[in-house]
Amino acid sequence: MEYFDYEEAAREAGLSADALRKIVDGARREFPADDMMFELHVLRTCMAIRQGWVTVQQTVAAEAATRT
């Protein structure tokens, strides 16, 4: 089941496949058993990048910092 079309949001944000994979990997680690929250997190991240509120580098760095 797909809850949100985060791939469309990623295209609108101009994200590369590699950038989206990094965002998806981080969100899956954060929400390993909750598909809806996982997809919502990815969608909101893509939308924030599209709006210019954050960069891919900032989101990946923030996610990495929470793992340490």
N, C-alpha and C. Protein backbone atom coordinates (compact mmCIF):
# COMPACT_ATOMS: atom_id res chain seq x y z
N MET A 1 0.84 -1.17 0.00
CA MET A 1 0.00 0.00 0.00
C MET A 1 0.89 1.24 0.00
N GLU A 2 0.53 2.20 -0.81
CA GLU A 2 1.25 3.46 -0.86
C GLU A 2 0.35 4.53 -0.25
N TYR A 3 0.91 5.26 0.71
CA TYR A 3 0.14 6.31 1.39
C TYR A 3 0.33 7.67 0.74
N PHE A 4 1.58 8.00 0.38
CA PHE A 4 1.90 9.31 -0.14
C PHE A 4 2.78 9.17 -1.38
N ASP A 5 2.62 10.08 -2.32
CA ASP A 5 3.44 10.04 -3.54
C ASP A 5 4.70 10.88 -3.33
N TYR A 6 5.61 10.35 -2.52
CA TYR A 6 6.83 11.10 -2.24
C TYR A 6 7.77 11.12 -3.45
N GLU A 7 7.62 10.17 -4.36
CA GLU A 7 8.47 10.18 -5.56
C GLU A 7 8.16 11.39 -6.44
N GLU A 8 6.90 11.76 -6.53
CA GLU A 8 6.52 12.96 -7.29
C GLU A 8 7.09 14.20 -6.60
N ALA A 9 7.00 14.25 -5.29
CA ALA A 9 7.56 15.39 -4.54
C ALA A 9 9.07 15.46 -4.75
N ALA A 10 9.73 14.31 -4.81
CA ALA A 10 11.17 14.28 -5.04
C ALA A 10 11.50 14.81 -6.44
N ARG A 11 10.71 14.44 -7.44
CA ARG A 11 10.91 14.96 -8.80
C ARG A 11 10.72 16.48 -8.81
N GLU A 12 9.66 16.95 -8.15
CA GLU A 12 9.40 18.39 -8.10
C GLU A 12 10.53 19.14 -7.41
N ALA A 13 11.19 18.47 -6.45
CA ALA A 13 12.30 19.10 -5.74
C ALA A 13 13.60 19.00 -6.52
N GLY A 14 13.59 18.24 -7.62
CA GLY A 14 14.80 18.08 -8.43
C GLY A 14 15.83 17.15 -7.80
N LEU A 15 15.37 16.23 -6.97
CA LEU A 15 16.30 15.32 -6.29
C LEU A 15 16.79 14.23 -7.23
N SER A 16 18.04 13.90 -7.10
CA SER A 16 18.60 12.77 -7.86
C SER A 16 18.14 11.47 -7.20
N ALA A 17 18.29 10.38 -7.92
CA ALA A 17 17.94 9.07 -7.37
C ALA A 17 18.78 8.78 -6.13
N ASP A 18 20.04 9.18 -6.15
CA ASP A 18 20.92 8.94 -5.00
C ASP A 18 20.48 9.75 -3.79
N ALA A 19 20.10 11.00 -4.00
CA ALA A 19 19.65 11.84 -2.90
C ALA A 19 18.37 11.27 -2.29
N LEU A 20 17.44 10.87 -3.13
CA LEU A 20 16.19 10.28 -2.62
C LEU A 20 16.48 9.00 -1.86
N ARG A 21 17.40 8.19 -2.36
CA ARG A 21 17.74 6.94 -1.66
C ARG A 21 18.28 7.23 -0.26
N LYS A 22 19.10 8.26 -0.13
CA LYS A 22 19.64 8.61 1.19
C LYS A 22 18.53 9.04 2.14
N ILE A 23 17.59 9.82 1.63
CA ILE A 23 16.47 10.26 2.45
C ILE A 23 15.60 9.06 2.83
N VAL A 24 15.31 8.20 1.87
CA VAL A 24 14.50 7.01 2.11
C VAL A 24 15.18 6.10 3.13
N ASP A 25 16.48 5.87 2.98
CA ASP A 25 17.20 5.01 3.91
C ASP A 25 17.14 5.55 5.33
N GLY A 26 17.32 6.86 5.48
CA GLY A 26 17.26 7.46 6.81
C GLY A 26 15.87 7.36 7.42
N ALA A 27 14.86 7.61 6.62
CA ALA A 27 13.48 7.53 7.13
C ALA A 27 13.12 6.08 7.50
N ARG A 28 13.60 5.13 6.73
CA ARG A 28 13.28 3.73 7.03
C ARG A 28 13.94 3.30 8.34
N ARG A 29 15.16 3.81 8.60
CA ARG A 29 15.80 3.50 9.88
C ARG A 29 15.01 4.10 11.04
N GLU A 30 14.46 5.28 10.82
CA GLU A 30 13.70 5.95 11.87
C GLU A 30 12.34 5.29 12.10
N PHE A 31 11.73 4.80 11.02
CA PHE A 31 10.40 4.19 11.11
C PHE A 31 10.41 2.80 10.46
N PRO A 32 11.09 1.84 11.06
CA PRO A 32 11.24 0.53 10.43
C PRO A 32 9.95 -0.27 10.28
N ALA A 33 8.97 -0.02 11.12
CA ALA A 33 7.75 -0.83 11.08
C ALA A 33 6.49 -0.02 10.80
N ASP A 34 6.64 1.24 10.47
CA ASP A 34 5.48 2.10 10.26
C ASP A 34 5.57 2.74 8.87
N ASP A 35 4.94 2.08 7.91
CA ASP A 35 5.03 2.54 6.52
C ASP A 35 4.44 3.93 6.32
N MET A 36 3.34 4.24 6.99
CA MET A 36 2.73 5.55 6.80
C MET A 36 3.64 6.66 7.32
N MET A 37 4.20 6.49 8.50
CA MET A 37 5.10 7.51 9.04
C MET A 37 6.38 7.61 8.20
N PHE A 38 6.86 6.47 7.73
CA PHE A 38 8.03 6.47 6.85
C PHE A 38 7.78 7.32 5.62
N GLU A 39 6.67 7.05 4.93
CA GLU A 39 6.36 7.79 3.71
C GLU A 39 6.08 9.26 3.99
N LEU A 40 5.39 9.55 5.08
CA LEU A 40 5.11 10.94 5.43
C LEU A 40 6.41 11.70 5.70
N HIS A 41 7.34 11.06 6.39
CA HIS A 41 8.62 11.70 6.68
C HIS A 41 9.38 12.01 5.38
N VAL A 42 9.41 11.04 4.47
CA VAL A 42 10.09 11.26 3.18
C VAL A 42 9.39 12.38 2.40
N LEU A 43 8.07 12.35 2.35
CA LEU A 43 7.32 13.38 1.65
C LEU A 43 7.62 14.76 2.21
N ARG A 44 7.56 14.90 3.51
CA ARG A 44 7.79 16.21 4.13
C ARG A 44 9.23 16.68 3.91
N THR A 45 10.16 15.76 3.92
CA THR A 45 11.56 16.12 3.66
C THR A 45 11.71 16.63 2.23
N CYS A 46 11.12 15.93 1.28
CA CYS A 46 11.19 16.37 -0.13
C CYS A 46 10.54 17.73 -0.31
N MET A 47 9.41 17.95 0.35
CA MET A 47 8.72 19.22 0.24
C MET A 47 9.56 20.35 0.86
N ALA A 48 10.22 20.07 1.97
CA ALA A 48 11.07 21.08 2.61
C ALA A 48 12.25 21.44 1.71
N ILE A 49 12.81 20.44 1.04
CA ILE A 49 13.91 20.69 0.12
C ILE A 49 13.42 21.52 -1.07
N ARG A 50 12.25 21.16 -1.59
CA ARG A 50 11.68 21.91 -2.72
C ARG A 50 11.44 23.37 -2.35
N GLN A 51 11.00 23.63 -1.14
CA GLN A 51 10.72 25.00 -0.68
C GLN A 51 11.99 25.77 -0.33
N GLY A 52 13.12 25.07 -0.27
CA GLY A 52 14.37 25.73 0.05
C GLY A 52 14.62 25.90 1.54
N TRP A 53 13.84 25.22 2.36
CA TRP A 53 14.00 25.33 3.82
C TRP A 53 15.22 24.57 4.31
N VAL A 54 15.55 23.48 3.63
CA VAL A 54 16.73 22.67 3.97
C VAL A 54 17.35 22.16 2.68
N THR A 55 18.57 21.65 2.78
CA THR A 55 19.22 21.02 1.64
C THR A 55 19.30 19.52 1.90
N VAL A 56 19.59 18.78 0.86
CA VAL A 56 19.78 17.33 1.02
C VAL A 56 20.91 17.08 2.00
N GLN A 57 21.97 17.83 1.89
CA GLN A 57 23.13 17.64 2.77
C GLN A 57 22.73 17.86 4.23
N GLN A 58 21.92 18.86 4.49
CA GLN A 58 21.49 19.11 5.86
C GLN A 58 20.63 17.97 6.39
N THR A 59 19.74 17.45 5.57
CA THR A 59 18.87 16.38 6.06
C THR A 59 19.66 15.11 6.30
N VAL A 60 20.60 14.80 5.41
CA VAL A 60 21.41 13.59 5.58
C VAL A 60 22.32 13.74 6.80
N ALA A 61 22.91 14.91 6.97
CA ALA A 61 23.79 15.15 8.13
C ALA A 61 23.00 15.08 9.43
N ALA A 62 21.80 15.62 9.45
CA ALA A 62 20.97 15.59 10.67
C ALA A 62 20.60 14.16 11.01
N GLU A 63 20.26 13.38 10.01
CA GLU A 63 19.90 11.98 10.25
C GLU A 63 21.10 11.21 10.76
N ALA A 64 22.26 11.45 10.19
CA ALA A 64 23.48 10.75 10.62
C ALA A 64 23.83 11.13 12.06
N ALA A 65 23.61 12.38 12.44
CA ALA A 65 23.92 12.82 13.79
C ALA A 65 23.05 12.13 14.83
N THR A 66 21.84 11.76 14.45
CA THR A 66 20.96 11.09 15.41
C THR A 66 21.36 9.64 15.63
N ARG A 67 22.14 9.09 14.71
CA ARG A 67 22.57 7.69 14.86
C ARG A 67 23.77 7.54 15.76
N THR A 68 24.48 8.61 16.06
CA THR A 68 25.69 8.51 16.87
C THR A 68 25.40 8.70 18.33
